Amino acid sequence: MSYRLLVTLALTLHFGFLAYLVLGGFIAWRWPRTIWPHLATAGWAVLVVAARLACPLTHLEHWARRRAGESGVGQGFIDRYIEGVVYPERYAGLAQTLVAVLILVSWLGLAHRLGLFRRLRPAHRLDPAQDSGPAPRIRAARHATGPRSCPPDRERGAPPGPSARR
């Protein structure tokens, strides 16, 4: 395998990683099971930024460049290909914040689509016995009398159905 091809592969994987980091939460809206790899991707990104870890893909790229006869670049992938190209270097903190907000919005949207917010809401009436309206008394009376003795059609005053006309 050519070392230049390995450099290209490392760069492609870097761009793919960043694209999935930004868009993976929205992809999970369509395919919810993809949220797990996206959580791992976001966790790795936070770890790399917060702990200033060296990305293994950057290390691979630099090694392959040296083997291909080029100078090993001293900068990381974002420093070289994103900052100054996509946004000015002085806005790096703002760009990271916007990416984090975009990821959180995608996660909140997924939680909404999955109905997680409905499950967190308290029930309207926690204890029916504490309700002062007539509904609990009616339910209690029906429960005390046992099963209904007539079909539901007659109970509501509806005309008898075809089976009752015989």
Protein backbone atom coordinates (compact mmCIF):
# COMPACT_ATOMS: atom_id res chain seq x y z
CA MET A 1 0.00 0.00 0.00
CA SER A 2 1.35 3.38 -0.94
CA TYR A 3 2.04 5.75 1.93
CA ARG A 4 0.36 8.58 0.05
CA LEU A 5 -2.76 6.44 -0.18
CA LEU A 6 -2.54 5.92 3.57
CA VAL A 7 -2.35 9.69 4.08
CA THR A 8 -5.44 10.10 1.90
CA LEU A 9 -7.24 7.41 3.86
CA ALA A 10 -6.38 9.08 7.18
CA LEU A 11 -7.64 12.43 5.88
CA THR A 12 -10.84 10.86 4.56
CA LEU A 13 -11.47 9.16 7.89
CA HIS A 14 -10.87 12.46 9.69
CA PHE A 15 -13.40 14.28 7.50
CA GLY A 16 -15.86 11.41 7.92
CA PHE A 17 -15.41 11.49 11.69
CA LEU A 18 -16.11 15.22 11.82
CA ALA A 19 -19.13 14.91 9.54
CA TYR A 20 -20.55 12.11 11.67
CA LEU A 21 -19.82 14.09 14.83
CA VAL A 22 -21.90 17.00 13.57
CA LEU A 23 -24.65 15.08 11.76
CA GLY A 24 -24.81 11.76 13.62
CA GLY A 25 -27.49 12.91 16.06
CA PHE A 26 -29.72 13.91 13.16
CA ILE A 27 -29.05 10.58 11.44
CA ALA A 28 -30.32 8.93 14.63
CA TRP A 29 -33.68 10.66 14.09
CA ARG A 30 -34.17 8.29 11.16
CA TRP A 31 -32.26 5.30 12.56
CA PRO A 32 -32.40 5.56 16.38
CA ARG A 33 -29.93 2.74 17.02
CA THR A 34 -27.15 4.82 15.48
CA ILE A 35 -27.21 7.05 18.55
CA TRP A 36 -24.84 4.65 20.34
CA PRO A 37 -21.93 5.05 17.92
CA HIS A 38 -22.67 8.77 17.85
CA LEU A 39 -22.42 8.97 21.64
CA ALA A 40 -19.04 7.23 21.44
CA THR A 41 -17.95 9.63 18.69
CA ALA A 42 -19.01 12.66 20.73
CA GLY A 43 -17.33 11.28 23.85
CA TRP A 44 -14.08 10.77 21.98
CA ALA A 45 -14.27 14.29 20.53
CA VAL A 46 -14.81 15.81 23.98
CA LEU A 47 -11.93 13.78 25.36
CA VAL A 48 -9.58 14.86 22.56
CA VAL A 49 -10.50 18.54 23.01
CA ALA A 50 -10.67 18.64 26.82
CA ALA A 51 -7.62 16.48 27.58
CA ARG A 52 -5.67 17.66 24.52
CA LEU A 53 -5.08 14.08 23.41
CA ALA A 54 -3.35 13.34 20.14
CA CYS A 55 -5.70 11.72 17.67
CA PRO A 56 -4.44 8.37 16.35
CA LEU A 57 -5.48 9.33 12.82
CA THR A 58 -3.27 12.42 13.02
CA HIS A 59 -0.39 10.27 14.21
CA LEU A 60 -1.02 7.84 11.32
CA GLU A 61 -1.14 10.71 8.82
CA HIS A 62 2.17 12.19 10.04
CA TRP A 63 3.87 8.79 10.04
CA ALA A 64 2.66 8.01 6.50
CA ARG A 65 3.76 11.46 5.28
CA ARG A 66 7.28 10.90 6.64
CA ARG A 67 7.42 7.45 5.01
CA ALA A 68 6.26 8.95 1.72
CA GLY A 69 9.20 11.38 1.81
CA GLU A 70 7.23 14.43 2.92
CA SER A 71 7.84 16.33 6.09
CA GLY A 72 5.70 15.20 9.00
CA VAL A 73 3.29 18.04 9.60
CA GLY A 74 3.45 19.38 13.16
CA GLN A 75 -0.18 20.49 13.24
CA GLY A 76 -3.27 18.46 13.96
CA PHE A 77 -5.97 17.82 11.41
CA ILE A 78 -8.31 20.60 12.59
CA ASP A 79 -5.45 23.09 12.89
CA ARG A 80 -4.28 22.41 9.37
CA TYR A 81 -7.44 21.70 7.34
CA ILE A 82 -10.34 23.31 9.22
CA GLU A 83 -9.12 26.40 11.12
CA GLY A 84 -8.29 29.20 8.76
CA VAL A 85 -10.11 27.40 5.94
CA VAL A 86 -13.67 26.93 7.22
CA TYR A 87 -13.51 29.62 9.94
CA PRO A 88 -10.85 32.06 11.17
CA GLU A 89 -8.52 30.67 13.83
CA ARG A 90 -9.61 33.25 16.41
CA TYR A 91 -13.14 31.78 16.33
CA ALA A 92 -12.07 28.24 17.27
CA GLY A 93 -13.82 28.40 20.67
CA LEU A 94 -17.01 29.70 19.07
CA ALA A 95 -16.91 26.98 16.42
CA GLN A 96 -16.51 24.29 19.10
CA THR A 97 -19.41 25.78 21.05
CA LEU A 98 -21.63 25.87 17.96
CA VAL A 99 -20.82 22.24 17.16
CA ALA A 100 -21.63 21.26 20.76
CA VAL A 101 -24.94 23.15 20.60
CA LEU A 102 -25.79 21.52 17.28
CA ILE A 103 -25.09 18.07 18.75
CA LEU A 104 -27.23 18.82 21.82
CA VAL A 105 -30.08 20.04 19.61
CA SER A 106 -29.89 16.81 17.62
CA TRP A 107 -30.00 14.75 20.83
CA LEU A 108 -32.95 16.74 22.20
CA GLY A 109 -34.75 16.31 18.88
CA LEU A 110 -34.15 12.57 19.04
CA ALA A 111 -35.44 12.42 22.61
CA HIS A 112 -38.55 14.30 21.50
CA ARG A 113 -39.08 11.97 18.51
CA LEU A 114 -38.74 8.93 20.77
CA GLY A 115 -41.25 10.39 23.23
CA LEU A 116 -38.85 10.55 26.15
CA PHE A 117 -40.20 13.91 27.29
CA ARG A 118 -43.75 12.52 27.58
CA ARG A 119 -42.48 9.82 29.90
CA LEU A 120 -40.81 12.39 32.13
CA ARG A 121 -43.96 14.47 32.59
CA PRO A 122 -45.94 13.70 35.76
CA ALA A 123 -49.33 12.09 35.30
CA HIS A 124 -52.35 14.41 35.36
CA ARG A 125 -53.91 12.63 38.33
CA LEU A 126 -51.58 10.60 40.44
CA ASP A 127 -54.25 9.14 42.75
CA PRO A 128 -57.86 8.87 41.46
CA ALA A 129 -59.17 8.72 45.05
CA GLN A 130 -57.99 12.29 45.61
CA ASP A 131 -60.01 13.55 42.66
CA SER A 132 -63.11 15.48 43.75
CA GLY A 133 -65.01 15.07 40.47
CA PRO A 134 -67.75 12.50 39.77
CA ALA A 135 -65.62 10.16 37.64
CA PRO A 136 -63.94 8.29 40.53
CA ARG A 137 -67.30 7.74 42.28
CA ILE A 138 -68.85 6.38 39.09
CA ARG A 139 -65.88 4.09 38.49
CA ALA A 140 -66.06 2.88 42.09
CA ALA A 141 -69.81 2.18 41.77
CA ARG A 142 -69.36 0.24 38.53
CA HIS A 143 -66.54 -1.76 40.07
CA ALA A 144 -68.68 -2.62 43.13
CA THR A 145 -71.67 -3.88 41.10
CA GLY A 146 -69.61 -6.34 39.11
CA PRO A 147 -69.96 -7.08 35.39
CA ARG A 148 -72.63 -5.32 33.35
CA SER A 149 -75.89 -7.14 33.01
CA CYS A 150 -76.90 -5.73 29.65
CA PRO A 151 -75.03 -5.17 26.40
CA PRO A 152 -73.39 -1.78 25.94
CA ASP A 153 -75.85 -0.78 23.14
CA ARG A 154 -78.87 -0.95 25.46
CA GLU A 155 -77.07 0.75 28.28
CA ARG A 156 -76.51 3.87 26.19
CA GLY A 157 -80.04 3.93 24.89
CA ALA A 158 -79.06 3.00 21.34
CA PRO A 159 -81.52 0.99 19.25
CA PRO A 160 -80.89 -2.74 19.37
CA GLY A 161 -78.48 -4.16 16.85
CA PRO A 162 -79.26 -6.78 14.19
CA SER A 163 -78.73 -9.68 16.59
CA ALA A 164 -81.36 -8.37 19.03
CA ARG A 165 -84.15 -8.21 16.37
CA ARG A 166 -84.63 -11.95 16.10
